[in-house]
Amino acid sequence: MRTITIEVSSVRKSLGRFRRAWKTRESQGEFISFDSLDTLLKTLTSKRWELLRTLQAHGPMSIRALARELSRDVKNVHADVRALTDVGLIEKDGRLIRVPFDEIRTEFVVRSAA
């Protein structure tokens, strides 16, 4: 099963994980890191989550077919697919797009100022 974790993380934490993987030659898992919760939420909107869930449920499909399934405008779906491809959550194979992960996890912590 292929899993990816989406997190809010500092560059320092991400580099630390890379160093551990380099030294131990063991996978630390697959991660997509955002520098802030605000950036994560702007990138992974509710419509984009719905798009990801639909692709996971139906498997590879064209952007046009996905737009029909979501009852959304093709142009807007195309923009969302581009954004999700840019962060690595969607892959293209010719005219078809797919989510290459069986499981997508999110991880972030909200702490009090005290």
PDB file of N, CA and C in Angstrom:
ATOM      1  N   MET A   1       0.852  -1.175   0.000  1.00  0.00           N
ATOM      2  CA  MET A   1       0.000   0.000   0.000  1.00  0.00           C
ATOM      3  C   MET A   1       0.899   1.239   0.000  1.00  0.00           C
ATOM      4  N   ARG A   2       0.585   2.174  -0.879  1.00  0.00           N
ATOM      5  CA  ARG A   2       1.377   3.402  -0.986  1.00  0.00           C
ATOM      6  C   ARG A   2       0.652   4.528  -0.257  1.00  0.00           C
ATOM      7  N   THR A   3       1.354   5.109   0.710  1.00  0.00           N
ATOM      8  CA  THR A   3       0.785   6.163   1.543  1.00  0.00           C
ATOM      9  C   THR A   3       1.639   7.413   1.438  1.00  0.00           C
ATOM     10  N   ILE A   4       0.985   8.556   1.429  1.00  0.00           N
ATOM     11  CA  ILE A   4       1.695   9.835   1.482  1.00  0.00           C
ATOM     12  C   ILE A   4       1.148  10.628   2.656  1.00  0.00           C
ATOM     13  N   THR A   5       2.020  11.343   3.332  1.00  0.00           N
ATOM     14  CA  THR A   5       1.625  12.196   4.444  1.00  0.00           C
ATOM     15  C   THR A   5       1.820  13.647   4.043  1.00  0.00           C
ATOM     16  N   ILE A   6       0.771  14.422   4.199  1.00  0.00           N
ATOM     17  CA  ILE A   6       0.821  15.861   3.940  1.00  0.00           C
ATOM     18  C   ILE A   6       0.945  16.532   5.293  1.00  0.00           C
ATOM     19  N   GLU A   7       1.933  17.404   5.428  1.00  0.00           N
ATOM     20  CA  GLU A   7       2.196  17.988   6.732  1.00  0.00           C
ATOM     21  C   GLU A   7       2.570  19.460   6.626  1.00  0.00           C
ATOM     22  N   VAL A   8       2.463  20.119   7.761  1.00  0.00           N
ATOM     23  CA  VAL A   8       3.017  21.459   7.926  1.00  0.00           C
ATOM     24  C   VAL A   8       4.336  21.236   8.652  1.00  0.00           C
ATOM     25  N   SER A   9       5.420  21.661   8.016  1.00  0.00           N
ATOM     26  CA  SER A   9       6.732  21.332   8.557  1.00  0.00           C
ATOM     27  C   SER A   9       7.756  22.396   8.183  1.00  0.00           C
ATOM     28  N   SER A  10       8.715  22.552   9.045  1.00  0.00           N
ATOM     29  CA  SER A  10       9.812  23.480   8.754  1.00  0.00           C
ATOM     30  C   SER A  10      10.795  22.819   7.788  1.00  0.00           C
ATOM     31  N   VAL A  11      11.582  23.634   7.150  1.00  0.00           N
ATOM     32  CA  VAL A  11      12.635  23.131   6.266  1.00  0.00           C
ATOM     33  C   VAL A  11      13.607  22.284   7.085  1.00  0.00           C
ATOM     34  N   ARG A  12      13.872  22.709   8.306  1.00  0.00           N
ATOM     35  CA  ARG A  12      14.798  21.983   9.190  1.00  0.00           C
ATOM     36  C   ARG A  12      14.318  20.540   9.427  1.00  0.00           C
ATOM     37  N   LYS A  13      13.027  20.375   9.712  1.00  0.00           N
ATOM     38  CA  LYS A  13      12.478  19.036   9.952  1.00  0.00           C
ATOM     39  C   LYS A  13      12.562  18.183   8.681  1.00  0.00           C
ATOM     40  N   SER A  14      12.236  18.774   7.551  1.00  0.00           N
ATOM     41  CA  SER A  14      12.293  18.040   6.280  1.00  0.00           C
ATOM     42  C   SER A  14      13.719  17.614   5.957  1.00  0.00           C
ATOM     43  N   LEU A  15      14.677  18.510   6.180  1.00  0.00           N
ATOM     44  CA  LEU A  15      16.079  18.164   5.935  1.00  0.00           C
ATOM     45  C   LEU A  15      16.567  17.090   6.903  1.00  0.00           C
ATOM     46  N   GLY A  16      16.086  17.135   8.137  1.00  0.00           N
ATOM     47  CA  GLY A  16      16.445  16.106   9.113  1.00  0.00           C
ATOM     48  C   GLY A  16      15.976  14.729   8.665  1.00  0.00           C
ATOM     49  N   ARG A  17      14.762  14.658   8.137  1.00  0.00           N
ATOM     50  CA  ARG A  17      14.229  13.390   7.637  1.00  0.00           C
ATOM     51  C   ARG A  17      15.075  12.902   6.451  1.00  0.00           C
ATOM     52  N   PHE A  18      15.461  13.837   5.577  1.00  0.00           N
ATOM     53  CA  PHE A  18      16.307  13.483   4.433  1.00  0.00           C
ATOM     54  C   PHE A  18      17.653  12.934   4.908  1.00  0.00           C
ATOM     55  N   ARG A  19      18.262  13.602   5.887  1.00  0.00           N
ATOM     56  CA  ARG A  19      19.566  13.141   6.407  1.00  0.00           C
ATOM     57  C   ARG A  19      19.467  11.735   6.998  1.00  0.00           C
ATOM     58  N   ARG A  20      18.387  11.485   7.770  1.00  0.00           N
ATOM     59  CA  ARG A  20      18.193  10.146   8.348  1.00  0.00           C
ATOM     60  C   ARG A  20      18.069   9.095   7.247  1.00  0.00           C
ATOM     61  N   ALA A  21      17.321   9.410   6.223  1.00  0.00           N
ATOM     62  CA  ALA A  21      17.151   8.471   5.110  1.00  0.00           C
ATOM     63  C   ALA A  21      18.488   8.226   4.412  1.00  0.00           C
ATOM     64  N   TRP A  22      19.258   9.288   4.235  1.00  0.00           N
ATOM     65  CA  TRP A  22      20.551   9.184   3.574  1.00  0.00           C
ATOM     66  C   TRP A  22      21.512   8.318   4.391  1.00  0.00           C
ATOM     67  N   LYS A  23      21.561   8.574   5.708  1.00  0.00           N
ATOM     68  CA  LYS A  23      22.484   7.833   6.575  1.00  0.00           C
ATOM     69  C   LYS A  23      22.076   6.374   6.735  1.00  0.00           C
ATOM     70  N   THR A  24      20.793   6.128   6.950  1.00  0.00           N
ATOM     71  CA  THR A  24      20.326   4.768   7.224  1.00  0.00           C
ATOM     72  C   THR A  24      19.975   3.998   5.959  1.00  0.00           C
ATOM     73  N   ARG A  25      19.837   4.725   4.858  1.00  0.00           N
ATOM     74  CA  ARG A  25      19.406   4.132   3.585  1.00  0.00           C
ATOM     75  C   ARG A  25      18.046   3.460   3.715  1.00  0.00           C
ATOM     76  N   GLU A  26      17.246   3.984   4.630  1.00  0.00           N
ATOM     77  CA  GLU A  26      15.889   3.478   4.836  1.00  0.00           C
ATOM     78  C   GLU A  26      14.890   4.574   4.511  1.00  0.00           C
ATOM     79  N   SER A  27      13.831   4.180   3.869  1.00  0.00           N
ATOM     80  CA  SER A  27      12.781   5.140   3.523  1.00  0.00           C
ATOM     81  C   SER A  27      12.164   5.727   4.784  1.00  0.00           C
ATOM     82  N   GLN A  28      11.941   7.004   4.757  1.00  0.00           N
ATOM     83  CA  GLN A  28      11.260   7.685   5.858  1.00  0.00           C
ATOM     84  C   GLN A  28       9.784   7.880   5.509  1.00  0.00           C
ATOM     85  N   GLY A  29       9.366   7.314   4.400  1.00  0.00           N
ATOM     86  CA  GLY A  29       8.003   7.486   3.913  1.00  0.00           C
ATOM     87  C   GLY A  29       7.954   8.602   2.881  1.00  0.00           C
ATOM     88  N   GLU A  30       6.788   8.794   2.307  1.00  0.00           N
ATOM     89  CA  GLU A  30       6.606   9.856   1.321  1.00  0.00           C
ATOM     90  C   GLU A  30       5.867  11.005   1.986  1.00  0.00           C
ATOM     91  N   PHE A  31       6.371  12.209   1.787  1.00  0.00           N
ATOM     92  CA  PHE A  31       5.812  13.393   2.427  1.00  0.00           C
ATOM     93  C   PHE A  31       5.669  14.526   1.426  1.00  0.00           C
ATOM     94  N   ILE A  32       4.654  15.334   1.643  1.00  0.00           N
ATOM     95  CA  ILE A  32       4.534  16.638   1.008  1.00  0.00           C
ATOM     96  C   ILE A  32       4.451  17.618   2.163  1.00  0.00           C
ATOM     97  N   SER A  33       5.380  18.550   2.207  1.00  0.00           N
ATOM     98  CA  SER A  33       5.442  19.489   3.327  1.00  0.00           C
ATOM     99  C   SER A  33       5.090  20.900   2.880  1.00  0.00           C
ATOM    100  N   PHE A  34       4.285  21.561   3.690  1.00  0.00           N
ATOM    101  CA  PHE A  34       3.939  22.964   3.485  1.00  0.00           C
ATOM    102  C   PHE A  34       4.545  23.766   4.619  1.00  0.00           C
ATOM    103  N   ASP A  35       4.924  25.003   4.332  1.00  0.00           N
ATOM    104  CA  ASP A  35       5.571  25.831   5.351  1.00  0.00           C
ATOM    105  C   ASP A  35       4.592  26.422   6.355  1.00  0.00           C
ATOM    106  N   SER A  36       3.292  26.403   6.034  1.00  0.00           N
ATOM    107  CA  SER A  36       2.304  26.928   6.980  1.00  0.00           C
ATOM    108  C   SER A  36       0.957  26.254   6.746  1.00  0.00           C
ATOM    109  N   LEU A  37       0.122  26.271   7.767  1.00  0.00           N
ATOM    110  CA  LEU A  37      -1.229  25.727   7.646  1.00  0.00           C
ATOM    111  C   LEU A  37      -2.017  26.524   6.618  1.00  0.00           C
ATOM    112  N   ASP A  38      -1.791  27.819   6.575  1.00  0.00           N
ATOM    113  CA  ASP A  38      -2.478  28.674   5.610  1.00  0.00           C
ATOM    114  C   ASP A  38      -2.181  28.229   4.175  1.00  0.00           C
ATOM    115  N   THR A  39      -0.929  27.947   3.879  1.00  0.00           N
ATOM    116  CA  THR A  39      -0.543  27.494   2.541  1.00  0.00           C
ATOM    117  C   THR A  39      -1.163  26.136   2.231  1.00  0.00           C
ATOM    118  N   LEU A  40      -1.151  25.236   3.202  1.00  0.00           N
ATOM    119  CA  LEU A  40      -1.760  23.919   3.014  1.00  0.00           C
ATOM    120  C   LEU A  40      -3.241  24.064   2.676  1.00  0.00           C
ATOM    121  N   LEU A  41      -3.959  24.878   3.440  1.00  0.00           N
ATOM    122  CA  LEU A  41      -5.400  25.030   3.232  1.00  0.00           C
ATOM    123  C   LEU A  41      -5.733  25.760   1.936  1.00  0.00           C
ATOM    124  N   LYS A  42      -4.870  26.650   1.490  1.00  0.00           N
ATOM    125  CA  LYS A  42      -5.088  27.320   0.200  1.00  0.00           C
ATOM    126  C   LYS A  42      -4.854  26.358  -0.960  1.00  0.00           C
ATOM    127  N   THR A  43      -3.925  25.444  -0.779  1.00  0.00           N
ATOM    128  CA  THR A  43      -3.600  24.489  -1.835  1.00  0.00           C
ATOM    129  C   THR A  43      -4.589  23.334  -1.873  1.00  0.00           C
ATOM    130  N   LEU A  44      -4.944  22.817  -0.717  1.00  0.00           N
ATOM    131  CA  LEU A  44      -5.826  21.651  -0.640  1.00  0.00           C
ATOM    132  C   LEU A  44      -7.225  22.084  -0.207  1.00  0.00           C
ATOM    133  N   THR A  45      -7.933  22.708  -1.132  1.00  0.00           N
ATOM    134  CA  THR A  45      -9.290  23.193  -0.873  1.00  0.00           C
ATOM    135  C   THR A  45     -10.260  22.017  -0.783  1.00  0.00           C
ATOM    136  N   SER A  46     -11.459  22.282  -0.321  1.00  0.00           N
ATOM    137  CA  SER A  46     -12.460  21.213  -0.216  1.00  0.00           C
ATOM    138  C   SER A  46     -12.791  20.633  -1.593  1.00  0.00           C
ATOM    139  N   LYS A  47     -12.835  21.459  -2.620  1.00  0.00           N
ATOM    140  CA  LYS A  47     -13.108  20.957  -3.980  1.00  0.00           C
ATOM    141  C   LYS A  47     -11.970  20.063  -4.470  1.00  0.00           C
ATOM    142  N   ARG A  48     -10.748  20.382  -4.111  1.00  0.00           N
ATOM    143  CA  ARG A  48      -9.612  19.547  -4.516  1.00  0.00           C
ATOM    144  C   ARG A  48      -9.599  18.225  -3.762  1.00  0.00           C
ATOM    145  N   TRP A  49     -10.008  18.236  -2.484  1.00  0.00           N
ATOM    146  CA  TRP A  49     -10.139  16.976  -1.743  1.00  0.00           C
ATOM    147  C   TRP A  49     -11.206  16.102  -2.392  1.00  0.00           C
ATOM    148  N   GLU A  50     -12.314  16.707  -2.778  1.00  0.00           N
ATOM    149  CA  GLU A  50     -13.383  15.960  -3.448  1.00  0.00           C
ATOM    150  C   GLU A  50     -12.859  15.359  -4.757  1.00  0.00           C
ATOM    151  N   LEU A  51     -12.087  16.122  -5.489  1.00  0.00           N
ATOM    152  CA  LEU A  51     -11.482  15.657  -6.735  1.00  0.00           C
ATOM    153  C   LEU A  51     -10.577  14.448  -6.466  1.00  0.00           C
ATOM    154  N   LEU A  52      -9.742  14.532  -5.449  1.00  0.00           N
ATOM    155  CA  LEU A  52      -8.853  13.417  -5.097  1.00  0.00           C
ATOM    156  C   LEU A  52      -9.650  12.172  -4.718  1.00  0.00           C
ATOM    157  N   ARG A  53     -10.687  12.345  -3.899  1.00  0.00           N
ATOM    158  CA  ARG A  53     -11.522  11.204  -3.486  1.00  0.00           C
ATOM    159  C   ARG A  53     -12.202  10.558  -4.692  1.00  0.00           C
ATOM    160  N   THR A  54     -12.669  11.381  -5.614  1.00  0.00           N
ATOM    161  CA  THR A  54     -13.336  10.858  -6.808  1.00  0.00           C
ATOM    162  C   THR A  54     -12.360  10.055  -7.660  1.00  0.00           C
ATOM    163  N   LEU A  55     -11.165  10.573  -7.868  1.00  0.00           N
ATOM    164  CA  LEU A  55     -10.152   9.840  -8.633  1.00  0.00           C
ATOM    165  C   LEU A  55      -9.764   8.535  -7.942  1.00  0.00           C
ATOM    166  N   GLN A  56      -9.648   8.555  -6.634  1.00  0.00           N
ATOM    167  CA  GLN A  56      -9.315   7.325  -5.910  1.00  0.00           C
ATOM    168  C   GLN A  56     -10.432   6.297  -6.059  1.00  0.00           C
ATOM    169  N   ALA A  57     -11.671   6.744  -6.030  1.00  0.00           N
ATOM    170  CA  ALA A  57     -12.812   5.831  -6.125  1.00  0.00           C
ATOM    171  C   ALA A  57     -12.987   5.258  -7.530  1.00  0.00           C
ATOM    172  N   HIS A  58     -12.739   6.077  -8.558  1.00  0.00           N
ATOM    173  CA  HIS A  58     -13.015   5.667  -9.936  1.00  0.00           C
ATOM    174  C   HIS A  58     -11.787   5.230 -10.716  1.00  0.00           C
ATOM    175  N   GLY A  59     -10.606   5.526 -10.215  1.00  0.00           N
ATOM    176  CA  GLY A  59      -9.395   5.183 -10.949  1.00  0.00           C
ATOM    177  C   GLY A  59      -9.083   6.216 -12.017  1.00  0.00           C
ATOM    178  N   PRO A  60      -8.087   5.931 -12.856  1.00  0.00           N
ATOM    179  CA  PRO A  60      -7.657   6.894 -13.868  1.00  0.00           C
ATOM    180  C   PRO A  60      -8.802   7.330 -14.783  1.00  0.00           C
ATOM    181  N   MET A  61      -8.832   8.613 -15.087  1.00  0.00           N
ATOM    182  CA  MET A  61      -9.837   9.143 -16.005  1.00  0.00           C
ATOM    183  C   MET A  61      -9.336  10.435 -16.623  1.00  0.00           C
ATOM    184  N   SER A  62     -10.001  10.865 -17.669  1.00  0.00           N
ATOM    185  CA  SER A  62      -9.634  12.129 -18.311  1.00  0.00           C
ATOM    186  C   SER A  62     -10.156  13.288 -17.470  1.00  0.00           C
ATOM    187  N   ILE A  63      -9.603  14.458 -17.703  1.00  0.00           N
ATOM    188  CA  ILE A  63     -10.064  15.647 -16.982  1.00  0.00           C
ATOM    189  C   ILE A  63     -11.521  15.928 -17.327  1.00  0.00           C
ATOM    190  N   ARG A  64     -11.882  15.744 -18.582  1.00  0.00           N
ATOM    191  CA  ARG A  64     -13.267  15.978 -19.008  1.00  0.00           C
ATOM    192  C   ARG A  64     -14.236  15.022 -18.292  1.00  0.00           C
ATOM    193  N   ALA A  65     -13.864  13.739 -18.216  1.00  0.00           N
ATOM    194  CA  ALA A  65     -14.707  12.760 -17.522  1.00  0.00           C
ATOM    195  C   ALA A  65     -14.790  13.082 -16.029  1.00  0.00           C
ATOM    196  N   LEU A  66     -13.687  13.512 -15.463  1.00  0.00           N
ATOM    197  CA  LEU A  66     -13.671  13.886 -14.049  1.00  0.00           C
ATOM    198  C   LEU A  66     -14.580  15.088 -13.802  1.00  0.00           C
ATOM    199  N   ALA A  67     -14.510  16.073 -14.682  1.00  0.00           N
ATOM    200  CA  ALA A  67     -15.374  17.255 -14.557  1.00  0.00           C
ATOM    201  C   ALA A  67     -16.846  16.853 -14.622  1.00  0.00           C
ATOM    202  N   ARG A  68     -17.179  15.935 -15.533  1.00  0.00           N
ATOM    203  CA  ARG A  68     -18.568  15.442 -15.614  1.00  0.00           C
ATOM    204  C   ARG A  68     -18.975  14.756 -14.316  1.00  0.00           C
ATOM    205  N   GLU A  69     -18.091  13.904 -13.808  1.00  0.00           N
ATOM    206  CA  GLU A  69     -18.383  13.163 -12.568  1.00  0.00           C
ATOM    207  C   GLU A  69     -18.600  14.116 -11.392  1.00  0.00           C
ATOM    208  N   LEU A  70     -17.846  15.203 -11.367  1.00  0.00           N
ATOM    209  CA  LEU A  70     -17.936  16.182 -10.278  1.00  0.00           C
ATOM    210  C   LEU A  70     -18.997  17.253 -10.528  1.00  0.00           C
ATOM    211  N   SER A  71     -19.586  17.257 -11.732  1.00  0.00           N
ATOM    212  CA  SER A  71     -20.546  18.304 -12.135  1.00  0.00           C
ATOM    213  C   SER A  71     -19.909  19.688 -12.005  1.00  0.00           C
ATOM    214  N   ARG A  72     -18.693  19.794 -12.536  1.00  0.00           N
ATOM    215  CA  ARG A  72     -17.948  21.049 -12.479  1.00  0.00           C
ATOM    216  C   ARG A  72     -17.468  21.442 -13.864  1.00  0.00           C
ATOM    217  N   ASP A  73     -17.128  22.698 -14.015  1.00  0.00           N
ATOM    218  CA  ASP A  73     -16.597  23.229 -15.261  1.00  0.00           C
ATOM    219  C   ASP A  73     -15.222  22.619 -15.551  1.00  0.00           C
ATOM    220  N   VAL A  74     -14.997  22.213 -16.797  1.00  0.00           N
ATOM    221  CA  VAL A  74     -13.735  21.577 -17.185  1.00  0.00           C
ATOM    222  C   VAL A  74     -12.540  22.488 -16.905  1.00  0.00           C
ATOM    223  N   LYS A  75     -12.682  23.764 -17.179  1.00  0.00           N
ATOM    224  CA  LYS A  75     -11.580  24.713 -16.972  1.00  0.00           C
ATOM    225  C   LYS A  75     -11.163  24.765 -15.496  1.00  0.00           C
ATOM    226  N   ASN A  76     -12.138  24.798 -14.601  1.00  0.00           N
ATOM    227  CA  ASN A  76     -11.829  24.839 -13.164  1.00  0.00           C
ATOM    228  C   ASN A  76     -11.215  23.527 -12.685  1.00  0.00           C
ATOM    229  N   VAL A  77     -11.731  22.409 -13.184  1.00  0.00           N
ATOM    230  CA  VAL A  77     -11.163  21.110 -12.823  1.00  0.00           C
ATOM    231  C   VAL A  77      -9.725  21.020 -13.341  1.00  0.00           C
ATOM    232  N   HIS A  78      -9.491  21.505 -14.545  1.00  0.00           N
ATOM    233  CA  HIS A  78      -8.140  21.498 -15.109  1.00  0.00           C
ATOM    234  C   HIS A  78      -7.175  22.297 -14.227  1.00  0.00           C
ATOM    235  N   ALA A  79      -7.613  23.455 -13.751  1.00  0.00           N
ATOM    236  CA  ALA A  79      -6.768  24.276 -12.868  1.00  0.00           C
ATOM    237  C   ALA A  79      -6.475  23.534 -11.566  1.00  0.00           C
ATOM    238  N   ASP A  80      -7.481  22.864 -11.008  1.00  0.00           N
ATOM    239  CA  ASP A  80      -7.269  22.102  -9.774  1.00  0.00           C
ATOM    240  C   ASP A  80      -6.329  20.920 -10.008  1.00  0.00           C
ATOM    241  N   VAL A  81      -6.497  20.246 -11.136  1.00  0.00           N
ATOM    242  CA  VAL A  81      -5.611  19.124 -11.466  1.00  0.00           C
ATOM    243  C   VAL A  81      -4.171  19.617 -11.600  1.00  0.00           C
ATOM    244  N   ARG A  82      -3.982  20.761 -12.235  1.00  0.00           N
ATOM    245  CA  ARG A  82      -2.631  21.326 -12.377  1.00  0.00           C
ATOM    246  C   ARG A  82      -2.022  21.598 -10.997  1.00  0.00           C
ATOM    247  N   ALA A  83      -2.804  22.200 -10.100  1.00  0.00           N
ATOM    248  CA  ALA A  83      -2.296  22.507  -8.753  1.00  0.00           C
ATOM    249  C   ALA A  83      -1.933  21.230  -8.000  1.00  0.00           C
ATOM    250  N   LEU A  84      -2.764  20.202  -8.109  1.00  0.00           N
ATOM    251  CA  LEU A  84      -2.502  18.945  -7.404  1.00  0.00           C
ATOM    252  C   LEU A  84      -1.355  18.165  -8.049  1.00  0.00           C
ATOM    253  N   THR A  85      -1.181  18.322  -9.348  1.00  0.00           N
ATOM    254  CA  THR A  85      -0.037  17.711 -10.032  1.00  0.00           C
ATOM    255  C   THR A  85       1.253  18.400  -9.593  1.00  0.00           C
ATOM    256  N   ASP A  86       1.196  19.711  -9.473  1.00  0.00           N
ATOM    257  CA  ASP A  86       2.379  20.482  -9.059  1.00  0.00           C
ATOM    258  C   ASP A  86       2.891  20.066  -7.686  1.00  0.00           C
ATOM    259  N   VAL A  87       1.984  19.702  -6.760  1.00  0.00           N
ATOM    260  CA  VAL A  87       2.433  19.288  -5.426  1.00  0.00           C
ATOM    261  C   VAL A  87       2.692  17.784  -5.338  1.00  0.00           C
ATOM    262  N   GLY A  88       2.359  17.034  -6.396  1.00  0.00           N
ATOM    263  CA  GLY A  88       2.683  15.611  -6.421  1.00  0.00           C
ATOM    264  C   GLY A  88       1.576  14.663  -6.012  1.00  0.00           C
ATOM    265  N   LEU A  89       0.340  15.135  -5.915  1.00  0.00           N
ATOM    266  CA  LEU A  89      -0.762  14.259  -5.513  1.00  0.00           C
ATOM    267  C   LEU A  89      -1.467  13.591  -6.691  1.00  0.00           C
ATOM    268  N   ILE A  90      -1.250  14.112  -7.883  1.00  0.00           N
ATOM    269  CA  ILE A  90      -1.840  13.538  -9.097  1.00  0.00           C
ATOM    270  C   ILE A  90      -0.721  13.319 -10.105  1.00  0.00           C
ATOM    271  N   GLU A  91      -0.826  12.219 -10.841  1.00  0.00           N
ATOM    272  CA  GLU A  91       0.107  11.939 -11.931  1.00  0.00           C
ATOM    273  C   GLU A  91      -0.674  11.861 -13.233  1.00  0.00           C
ATOM    274  N   LYS A  92      -0.026  12.267 -14.316  1.00  0.00           N
ATOM    275  CA  LYS A  92      -0.629  12.192 -15.648  1.00  0.00           C
ATOM    276  C   LYS A  92      -0.008  11.031 -16.411  1.00  0.00           C
ATOM    277  N   ASP A  93      -0.855  10.337 -17.163  1.00  0.00           N
ATOM    278  CA  ASP A  93      -0.411   9.263 -18.044  1.00  0.00           C
ATOM    279  C   ASP A  93      -1.142   9.459 -19.364  1.00  0.00           C
ATOM    280  N   GLY A  94      -0.515  10.209 -20.253  1.00  0.00           N
ATOM    281  CA  GLY A  94      -1.199  10.574 -21.495  1.00  0.00           C
ATOM    282  C   GLY A  94      -2.344  11.523 -21.180  1.00  0.00           C
ATOM    283  N   ARG A  95      -3.550  11.148 -21.591  1.00  0.00           N
ATOM    284  CA  ARG A  95      -4.728  11.978 -21.324  1.00  0.00           C
ATOM    285  C   ARG A  95      -5.397  11.637 -19.987  1.00  0.00           C
ATOM    286  N   LEU A  96      -4.918  10.595 -19.349  1.00  0.00           N
ATOM    287  CA  LEU A  96      -5.528  10.165 -18.092  1.00  0.00           C
ATOM    288  C   LEU A  96      -4.754  10.721 -16.896  1.00  0.00           C
ATOM    289  N   ILE A  97      -5.486  10.968 -15.833  1.00  0.00           N
ATOM    290  CA  ILE A  97      -4.867  11.395 -14.580  1.00  0.00           C
ATOM    291  C   ILE A  97      -5.244  10.390 -13.505  1.00  0.00           C
ATOM    292  N   ARG A  98      -4.393  10.294 -12.498  1.00  0.00           N
ATOM    293  CA  ARG A  98      -4.671   9.347 -11.416  1.00  0.00           C
ATOM    294  C   ARG A  98      -4.004   9.804 -10.132  1.00  0.00           C
ATOM    295  N   VAL A  99      -4.509   9.286  -9.033  1.00  0.00           N
ATOM    296  CA  VAL A  99      -3.885   9.483  -7.725  1.00  0.00           C
ATOM    297  C   VAL A  99      -3.059   8.224  -7.469  1.00  0.00           C
ATOM    298  N   PRO A 100      -1.741   8.336  -7.366  1.00  0.00           N
ATOM    299  CA  PRO A 100      -0.900   7.152  -7.218  1.00  0.00           C
ATOM    300  C   PRO A 100      -0.823   6.605  -5.787  1.00  0.00           C
ATOM    301  N   PHE A 101      -1.610   7.159  -4.889  1.00  0.00           N
ATOM    302  CA  PHE A 101      -1.552   6.758  -3.483  1.00  0.00           C
ATOM    303  C   PHE A 101      -2.836   6.048  -3.066  1.00  0.00           C
ATOM    304  N   ASP A 102      -2.676   4.994  -2.278  1.00  0.00           N
ATOM    305  CA  ASP A 102      -3.826   4.294  -1.718  1.00  0.00           C
ATOM    306  C   ASP A 102      -4.395   5.060  -0.531  1.00  0.00           C
ATOM    307  N   GLU A 103      -3.512   5.774   0.140  1.00  0.00           N
ATOM    308  CA  GLU A 103      -3.921   6.502   1.339  1.00  0.00           C
ATOM    309  C   GLU A 103      -3.207   7.849   1.377  1.00  0.00           C
ATOM    310  N   ILE A 104      -3.976   8.891   1.679  1.00  0.00           N
ATOM    311  CA  ILE A 104      -3.425  10.236   1.837  1.00  0.00           C
ATOM    312  C   ILE A 104      -3.710  10.661   3.272  1.00  0.00           C
ATOM    313  N   ARG A 105      -2.657  10.928   4.014  1.00  0.00           N
ATOM    314  CA  ARG A 105      -2.798  11.354   5.410  1.00  0.00           C
ATOM    315  C   ARG A 105      -2.432  12.824   5.529  1.00  0.00           C
ATOM    316  N   THR A 106      -3.068  13.502   6.466  1.00  0.00           N
ATOM    317  CA  THR A 106      -2.680  14.881   6.765  1.00  0.00           C
ATOM    318  C   THR A 106      -2.251  14.945   8.221  1.00  0.00           C
ATOM    319  N   GLU A 107      -1.263  15.783   8.471  1.00  0.00           N
ATOM    320  CA  GLU A 107      -0.726  15.889   9.826  1.00  0.00           C
ATOM    321  C   GLU A 107      -0.298  17.328  10.086  1.00  0.00           C
ATOM    322  N   PHE A 108      -0.933  17.948  11.060  1.00  0.00           N
ATOM    323  CA  PHE A 108      -0.480  19.256  11.509  1.00  0.00           C
ATOM    324  C   PHE A 108      -0.902  19.442  12.949  1.00  0.00           C
ATOM    325  N   VAL A 109      -0.170  20.272  13.641  1.00  0.00           N
ATOM    326  CA  VAL A 109      -0.392  20.499  15.065  1.00  0.00           C
ATOM    327  C   VAL A 109      -0.701  21.971  15.279  1.00  0.00           C
ATOM    328  N   VAL A 110      -1.702  22.240  16.094  1.00  0.00           N
ATOM    329  CA  VAL A 110      -2.020  23.608  16.497  1.00  0.00           C
ATOM    330  C   VAL A 110      -1.721  23.691  17.989  1.00  0.00           C
ATOM    331  N   ARG A 111      -0.805  24.580  18.354  1.00  0.00           N
ATOM    332  CA  ARG A 111      -0.389  24.704  19.759  1.00  0.00           C
ATOM    333  C   ARG A 111      -0.823  26.043  20.331  1.00  0.00           C
ATOM    334  N   SER A 112      -1.028  26.047  21.622  1.00  0.00           N
ATOM    335  CA  SER A 112      -1.352  27.306  22.294  1.00  0.00           C
ATOM    336  C   SER A 112      -0.089  28.155  22.411  1.00  0.00           C
ATOM    337  N   ALA A 113      -0.279  29.437  22.585  1.00  0.00           N
ATOM    338  CA  ALA A 113       0.851  30.364  22.682  1.00  0.00           C
ATOM    339  C   ALA A 113       1.576  30.249  24.015  1.00  0.00           C
ATOM    340  N   ALA A 114       0.962  29.659  24.998  1.00  0.00           N
ATOM    341  CA  ALA A 114       1.539  29.596  26.344  1.00  0.00           C
ATOM    342  C   ALA A 114       2.709  28.700  26.461  1.00  0.00           C
TER     343      ALA A 114
END
